[in-house]
């Protein structure tokens, strides 16, 4: 059985405000793996490679997932 890595999740600075009750969290502490989770559902973790993370963040920055469009 493969051991599950221990992820160290962090939230964006704006999400650290006590008035904000739900934020996406990211863990970058495991080499080659980026882990994502929703602070309201911390047991559900999505992982991807560092390369996949770059592809995702580039697409977000380019507006590919703009919900207001």
PDB file of N, CA and C in Angstrom:
ATOM      1  N   UNK A   1       0.840  -1.170   0.000  1.00  0.00           N
ATOM      2  CA  UNK A   1       0.000   0.000   0.000  1.00  0.00           C
ATOM      3  C   UNK A   1       0.894   1.246   0.000  1.00  0.00           C
ATOM      4  N   UNK A   2       0.570   2.211  -0.836  1.00  0.00           N
ATOM      5  CA  UNK A   2       1.339   3.445  -0.951  1.00  0.00           C
ATOM      6  C   UNK A   2       0.908   4.429   0.131  1.00  0.00           C
ATOM      7  N   UNK A   3       1.893   5.018   0.786  1.00  0.00           N
ATOM      8  CA  UNK A   3       1.589   6.003   1.835  1.00  0.00           C
ATOM      9  C   UNK A   3       1.060   7.285   1.215  1.00  0.00           C
ATOM     10  N   UNK A   4       0.094   7.899   1.863  1.00  0.00           N
ATOM     11  CA  UNK A   4      -0.463   9.173   1.421  1.00  0.00           C
ATOM     12  C   UNK A   4       0.427  10.283   1.966  1.00  0.00           C
ATOM     13  N   UNK A   5       0.893  11.191   1.105  1.00  0.00           N
ATOM     14  CA  UNK A   5       1.753  12.265   1.606  1.00  0.00           C
ATOM     15  C   UNK A   5       1.007  13.208   2.548  1.00  0.00           C
ATOM     16  N   UNK A   6       1.742  13.814   3.429  1.00  0.00           N
ATOM     17  CA  UNK A   6       1.173  14.798   4.349  1.00  0.00           C
ATOM     18  C   UNK A   6       1.249  16.167   3.685  1.00  0.00           C
ATOM     19  N   UNK A   7       0.119  16.691   3.288  1.00  0.00           N
ATOM     20  CA  UNK A   7       0.075  17.983   2.619  1.00  0.00           C
ATOM     21  C   UNK A   7      -0.037  19.108   3.636  1.00  0.00           C
ATOM     22  N   UNK A   8       0.643  20.198   3.370  1.00  0.00           N
ATOM     23  CA  UNK A   8       0.594  21.396   4.204  1.00  0.00           C
ATOM     24  C   UNK A   8      -0.192  22.449   3.432  1.00  0.00           C
ATOM     25  N   UNK A   9      -1.512  22.496   3.648  1.00  0.00           N
ATOM     26  CA  UNK A   9      -2.387  23.380   2.887  1.00  0.00           C
ATOM     27  C   UNK A   9      -2.331  24.812   3.404  1.00  0.00           C
ATOM     28  N   UNK A  10      -2.383  25.742   2.465  1.00  0.00           N
ATOM     29  CA  UNK A  10      -2.450  27.164   2.791  1.00  0.00           C
ATOM     30  C   UNK A  10      -3.549  27.809   1.952  1.00  0.00           C
ATOM     31  N   UNK A  11      -4.045  28.921   2.451  1.00  0.00           N
ATOM     32  CA  UNK A  11      -5.061  29.696   1.739  1.00  0.00           C
ATOM     33  C   UNK A  11      -4.451  31.011   1.286  1.00  0.00           C
ATOM     34  N   UNK A  12      -5.058  31.635   0.304  1.00  0.00           N
ATOM     35  CA  UNK A  12      -4.629  32.968  -0.122  1.00  0.00           C
ATOM     36  C   UNK A  12      -4.825  33.946   1.029  1.00  0.00           C
ATOM     37  N   UNK A  13      -4.068  35.018   1.032  1.00  0.00           N
ATOM     38  CA  UNK A  13      -4.113  36.004   2.116  1.00  0.00           C
ATOM     39  C   UNK A  13      -5.535  36.505   2.374  1.00  0.00           C
ATOM     40  N   UNK A  14      -6.298  36.781   1.331  1.00  0.00           N
ATOM     41  CA  UNK A  14      -7.665  37.285   1.502  1.00  0.00           C
ATOM     42  C   UNK A  14      -8.534  36.271   2.253  1.00  0.00           C
ATOM     43  N   UNK A  15      -8.231  35.004   2.128  1.00  0.00           N
ATOM     44  CA  UNK A  15      -9.018  33.957   2.779  1.00  0.00           C
ATOM     45  C   UNK A  15      -8.671  33.789   4.255  1.00  0.00           C
ATOM     46  N   UNK A  16      -7.613  34.413   4.693  1.00  0.00           N
ATOM     47  CA  UNK A  16      -7.225  34.307   6.098  1.00  0.00           C
ATOM     48  C   UNK A  16      -8.023  35.264   6.978  1.00  0.00           C
ATOM     49  N   UNK A  17      -8.836  36.108   6.353  1.00  0.00           N
ATOM     50  CA  UNK A  17      -9.715  37.016   7.090  1.00  0.00           C
ATOM     51  C   UNK A  17     -10.827  36.191   7.740  1.00  0.00           C
ATOM     52  N   UNK A  18     -11.067  36.339   9.029  1.00  0.00           N
ATOM     53  CA  UNK A  18     -12.105  35.544   9.700  1.00  0.00           C
ATOM     54  C   UNK A  18     -13.509  35.733   9.124  1.00  0.00           C
ATOM     55  N   UNK A  19     -13.742  36.819   8.383  1.00  0.00           N
ATOM     56  CA  UNK A  19     -15.055  37.057   7.773  1.00  0.00           C
ATOM     57  C   UNK A  19     -15.279  36.169   6.552  1.00  0.00           C
ATOM     58  N   UNK A  20     -14.198  35.621   5.998  1.00  0.00           N
ATOM     59  CA  UNK A  20     -14.290  34.735   4.829  1.00  0.00           C
ATOM     60  C   UNK A  20     -14.329  33.310   5.361  1.00  0.00           C
ATOM     61  N   UNK A  21     -15.400  32.594   5.058  1.00  0.00           N
ATOM     62  CA  UNK A  21     -15.556  31.276   5.675  1.00  0.00           C
ATOM     63  C   UNK A  21     -15.261  30.088   4.776  1.00  0.00           C
ATOM     64  N   UNK A  22     -14.951  30.307   3.531  1.00  0.00           N
ATOM     65  CA  UNK A  22     -14.693  29.183   2.639  1.00  0.00           C
ATOM     66  C   UNK A  22     -13.724  29.603   1.551  1.00  0.00           C
ATOM     67  N   UNK A  23     -12.649  28.855   1.411  1.00  0.00           N
ATOM     68  CA  UNK A  23     -11.639  29.202   0.408  1.00  0.00           C
ATOM     69  C   UNK A  23     -10.983  27.954  -0.161  1.00  0.00           C
ATOM     70  N   UNK A  24     -10.513  28.055  -1.395  1.00  0.00           N
ATOM     71  CA  UNK A  24      -9.677  26.972  -1.899  1.00  0.00           C
ATOM     72  C   UNK A  24      -8.338  27.018  -1.179  1.00  0.00           C
ATOM     73  N   UNK A  25      -7.759  25.853  -0.989  1.00  0.00           N
ATOM     74  CA  UNK A  25      -6.460  25.749  -0.342  1.00  0.00           C
ATOM     75  C   UNK A  25      -5.526  24.951  -1.235  1.00  0.00           C
ATOM     76  N   UNK A  26      -4.237  25.310  -1.194  1.00  0.00           N
ATOM     77  CA  UNK A  26      -3.238  24.687  -2.045  1.00  0.00           C
ATOM     78  C   UNK A  26      -2.080  24.205  -1.176  1.00  0.00           C
ATOM     79  N   UNK A  27      -1.542  23.042  -1.510  1.00  0.00           N
ATOM     80  CA  UNK A  27      -0.347  22.527  -0.849  1.00  0.00           C
ATOM     81  C   UNK A  27       0.726  22.304  -1.906  1.00  0.00           C
ATOM     82  N   UNK A  28       1.895  22.858  -1.657  1.00  0.00           N
ATOM     83  CA  UNK A  28       3.027  22.734  -2.583  1.00  0.00           C
ATOM     84  C   UNK A  28       4.230  22.071  -1.919  1.00  0.00           C
ATOM     85  N   UNK A  29       4.045  21.487  -0.744  1.00  0.00           N
ATOM     86  CA  UNK A  29       5.168  20.978   0.029  1.00  0.00           C
ATOM     87  C   UNK A  29       5.652  19.587  -0.369  1.00  0.00           C
ATOM     88  N   UNK A  30       4.923  18.874  -1.215  1.00  0.00           N
ATOM     89  CA  UNK A  30       5.355  17.553  -1.668  1.00  0.00           C
ATOM     90  C   UNK A  30       5.965  17.721  -3.062  1.00  0.00           C
ATOM     91  N   UNK A  31       7.246  17.421  -3.220  1.00  0.00           N
ATOM     92  CA  UNK A  31       7.915  17.642  -4.510  1.00  0.00           C
ATOM     93  C   UNK A  31       7.179  16.994  -5.686  1.00  0.00           C
ATOM     94  N   UNK A  32       6.949  17.805  -6.726  1.00  0.00           N
ATOM     95  CA  UNK A  32       6.316  17.319  -7.945  1.00  0.00           C
ATOM     96  C   UNK A  32       4.808  17.191  -7.889  1.00  0.00           C
ATOM     97  N   UNK A  33       4.198  17.512  -6.738  1.00  0.00           N
ATOM     98  CA  UNK A  33       2.751  17.361  -6.576  1.00  0.00           C
ATOM     99  C   UNK A  33       2.152  18.673  -6.078  1.00  0.00           C
ATOM    100  N   UNK A  34       1.042  19.058  -6.679  1.00  0.00           N
ATOM    101  CA  UNK A  34       0.254  20.182  -6.189  1.00  0.00           C
ATOM    102  C   UNK A  34      -1.077  19.590  -5.744  1.00  0.00           C
ATOM    103  N   UNK A  35      -1.485  19.914  -4.534  1.00  0.00           N
ATOM    104  CA  UNK A  35      -2.744  19.399  -4.001  1.00  0.00           C
ATOM    105  C   UNK A  35      -3.689  20.563  -3.771  1.00  0.00           C
ATOM    106  N   UNK A  36      -4.959  20.352  -4.098  1.00  0.00           N
ATOM    107  CA  UNK A  36      -6.010  21.358  -3.927  1.00  0.00           C
ATOM    108  C   UNK A  36      -7.126  20.769  -3.087  1.00  0.00           C
ATOM    109  N   UNK A  37      -7.765  21.626  -2.293  1.00  0.00           N
ATOM    110  CA  UNK A  37      -8.958  21.211  -1.569  1.00  0.00           C
ATOM    111  C   UNK A  37      -9.802  22.442  -1.252  1.00  0.00           C
ATOM    112  N   UNK A  38     -11.039  22.193  -0.903  1.00  0.00           N
ATOM    113  CA  UNK A  38     -11.979  23.226  -0.468  1.00  0.00           C
ATOM    114  C   UNK A  38     -11.955  23.216   1.057  1.00  0.00           C
ATOM    115  N   UNK A  39     -11.825  24.377   1.678  1.00  0.00           N
ATOM    116  CA  UNK A  39     -11.740  24.420   3.139  1.00  0.00           C
ATOM    117  C   UNK A  39     -12.995  23.865   3.821  1.00  0.00           C
ATOM    118  N   UNK A  40     -14.125  23.858   3.123  1.00  0.00           N
ATOM    119  CA  UNK A  40     -15.348  23.281   3.681  1.00  0.00           C
ATOM    120  C   UNK A  40     -15.402  21.765   3.532  1.00  0.00           C
ATOM    121  N   UNK A  41     -14.571  21.208   2.648  1.00  0.00           N
ATOM    122  CA  UNK A  41     -14.513  19.753   2.439  1.00  0.00           C
ATOM    123  C   UNK A  41     -13.052  19.309   2.450  1.00  0.00           C
ATOM    124  N   UNK A  42     -12.381  19.416   3.584  1.00  0.00           N
ATOM    125  CA  UNK A  42     -10.943  19.155   3.635  1.00  0.00           C
ATOM    126  C   UNK A  42     -10.534  17.714   3.357  1.00  0.00           C
ATOM    127  N   UNK A  43     -11.475  16.781   3.402  1.00  0.00           N
ATOM    128  CA  UNK A  43     -11.129  15.384   3.126  1.00  0.00           C
ATOM    129  C   UNK A  43     -11.087  15.053   1.644  1.00  0.00           C
ATOM    130  N   UNK A  44     -11.594  15.947   0.807  1.00  0.00           N
ATOM    131  CA  UNK A  44     -11.562  15.740  -0.641  1.00  0.00           C
ATOM    132  C   UNK A  44     -10.385  16.516  -1.214  1.00  0.00           C
ATOM    133  N   UNK A  45      -9.390  15.778  -1.687  1.00  0.00           N
ATOM    134  CA  UNK A  45      -8.156  16.393  -2.180  1.00  0.00           C
ATOM    135  C   UNK A  45      -7.947  16.002  -3.631  1.00  0.00           C
ATOM    136  N   UNK A  46      -7.650  16.987  -4.455  1.00  0.00           N
ATOM    137  CA  UNK A  46      -7.326  16.772  -5.860  1.00  0.00           C
ATOM    138  C   UNK A  46      -5.838  17.044  -6.027  1.00  0.00           C
ATOM    139  N   UNK A  47      -5.136  16.132  -6.673  1.00  0.00           N
ATOM    140  CA  UNK A  47      -3.707  16.338  -6.902  1.00  0.00           C
ATOM    141  C   UNK A  47      -3.414  16.420  -8.387  1.00  0.00           C
ATOM    142  N   UNK A  48      -2.322  17.098  -8.702  1.00  0.00           N
ATOM    143  CA  UNK A  48      -1.854  17.208 -10.079  1.00  0.00           C
ATOM    144  C   UNK A  48      -0.350  17.393 -10.062  1.00  0.00           C
ATOM    145  N   UNK A  49       0.252  17.245 -11.217  1.00  0.00           N
ATOM    146  CA  UNK A  49       1.687  17.469 -11.321  1.00  0.00           C
ATOM    147  C   UNK A  49       1.950  18.975 -11.353  1.00  0.00           C
ATOM    148  N   UNK A  50       3.182  19.344 -11.128  1.00  0.00           N
ATOM    149  CA  UNK A  50       3.560  20.755 -11.206  1.00  0.00           C
ATOM    150  C   UNK A  50       3.294  21.297 -12.610  1.00  0.00           C
ATOM    151  N   UNK A  51       3.536  20.486 -13.625  1.00  0.00           N
ATOM    152  CA  UNK A  51       3.282  20.916 -15.008  1.00  0.00           C
ATOM    153  C   UNK A  51       1.796  21.154 -15.253  1.00  0.00           C
ATOM    154  N   UNK A  52       0.959  20.278 -14.719  1.00  0.00           N
ATOM    155  CA  UNK A  52      -0.488  20.463 -14.860  1.00  0.00           C
ATOM    156  C   UNK A  52      -0.943  21.731 -14.130  1.00  0.00           C
ATOM    157  N   UNK A  53      -0.340  22.018 -12.988  1.00  0.00           N
ATOM    158  CA  UNK A  53      -0.650  23.241 -12.238  1.00  0.00           C
ATOM    159  C   UNK A  53      -0.331  24.465 -13.081  1.00  0.00           C
ATOM    160  N   UNK A  54       0.821  24.468 -13.734  1.00  0.00           N
ATOM    161  CA  UNK A  54       1.210  25.599 -14.593  1.00  0.00           C
ATOM    162  C   UNK A  54       0.198  25.757 -15.724  1.00  0.00           C
ATOM    163  N   UNK A  55      -0.204  24.654 -16.336  1.00  0.00           N
ATOM    164  CA  UNK A  55      -1.199  24.714 -17.408  1.00  0.00           C
ATOM    165  C   UNK A  55      -2.512  25.301 -16.897  1.00  0.00           C
ATOM    166  N   UNK A  56      -2.958  24.852 -15.724  1.00  0.00           N
ATOM    167  CA  UNK A  56      -4.204  25.363 -15.142  1.00  0.00           C
ATOM    168  C   UNK A  56      -4.097  26.843 -14.817  1.00  0.00           C
ATOM    169  N   UNK A  57      -3.056  27.260 -14.129  1.00  0.00           N
ATOM    170  CA  UNK A  57      -2.943  28.662 -13.742  1.00  0.00           C
ATOM    171  C   UNK A  57      -2.777  29.562 -14.961  1.00  0.00           C
ATOM    172  N   UNK A  58      -2.077  29.096 -15.986  1.00  0.00           N
ATOM    173  CA  UNK A  58      -1.967  29.878 -17.223  1.00  0.00           C
ATOM    174  C   UNK A  58      -3.343  30.069 -17.863  1.00  0.00           C
ATOM    175  N   UNK A  59      -4.149  29.010 -17.866  1.00  0.00           N
ATOM    176  CA  UNK A  59      -5.493  29.095 -18.447  1.00  0.00           C
ATOM    177  C   UNK A  59      -6.374  30.046 -17.644  1.00  0.00           C
ATOM    178  N   UNK A  60      -6.270  29.998 -16.324  1.00  0.00           N
ATOM    179  CA  UNK A  60      -7.048  30.911 -15.480  1.00  0.00           C
ATOM    180  C   UNK A  60      -6.633  32.352 -15.756  1.00  0.00           C
ATOM    181  N   UNK A  61      -5.336  32.594 -15.799  1.00  0.00           N
ATOM    182  CA  UNK A  61      -4.836  33.951 -16.070  1.00  0.00           C
ATOM    183  C   UNK A  61      -5.274  34.451 -17.433  1.00  0.00           C
ATOM    184  N   UNK A  62      -5.411  33.539 -18.402  1.00  0.00           N
ATOM    185  CA  UNK A  62      -5.812  33.924 -19.757  1.00  0.00           C
ATOM    186  C   UNK A  62      -7.324  34.096 -19.882  1.00  0.00           C
ATOM    187  N   UNK A  63      -8.080  33.827 -18.813  1.00  0.00           N
ATOM    188  CA  UNK A  63      -9.520  34.018 -18.844  1.00  0.00           C
ATOM    189  C   UNK A  63     -10.322  32.844 -19.347  1.00  0.00           C
ATOM    190  N   UNK A  64      -9.688  31.681 -19.530  1.00  0.00           N
ATOM    191  CA  UNK A  64     -10.409  30.525 -20.058  1.00  0.00           C
ATOM    192  C   UNK A  64     -11.535  30.046 -19.139  1.00  0.00           C
ATOM    193  N   UNK A  65     -11.446  30.350 -17.857  1.00  0.00           N
ATOM    194  CA  UNK A  65     -12.458  29.903 -16.911  1.00  0.00           C
ATOM    195  C   UNK A  65     -13.171  31.085 -16.274  1.00  0.00           C
ATOM    196  N   UNK A  66     -13.292  32.162 -16.998  1.00  0.00           N
ATOM    197  CA  UNK A  66     -13.939  33.363 -16.500  1.00  0.00           C
ATOM    198  C   UNK A  66     -15.443  33.122 -16.426  1.00  0.00           C
ATOM    199  N   UNK A  67     -15.984  33.086 -15.231  1.00  0.00           N
ATOM    200  CA  UNK A  67     -17.409  32.807 -15.038  1.00  0.00           C
ATOM    201  C   UNK A  67     -18.300  33.987 -15.400  1.00  0.00           C
ATOM    202  N   UNK A  68     -17.703  35.160 -15.543  1.00  0.00           N
ATOM    203  CA  UNK A  68     -18.511  36.332 -15.900  1.00  0.00           C
ATOM    204  C   UNK A  68     -18.678  36.472 -17.413  1.00  0.00           C
ATOM    205  N   UNK A  69     -18.001  35.642 -18.162  1.00  0.00           N
ATOM    206  CA  UNK A  69     -18.056  35.750 -19.638  1.00  0.00           C
ATOM    207  C   UNK A  69     -19.344  35.175 -20.173  1.00  0.00           C
TER     208      UNK A  69
END
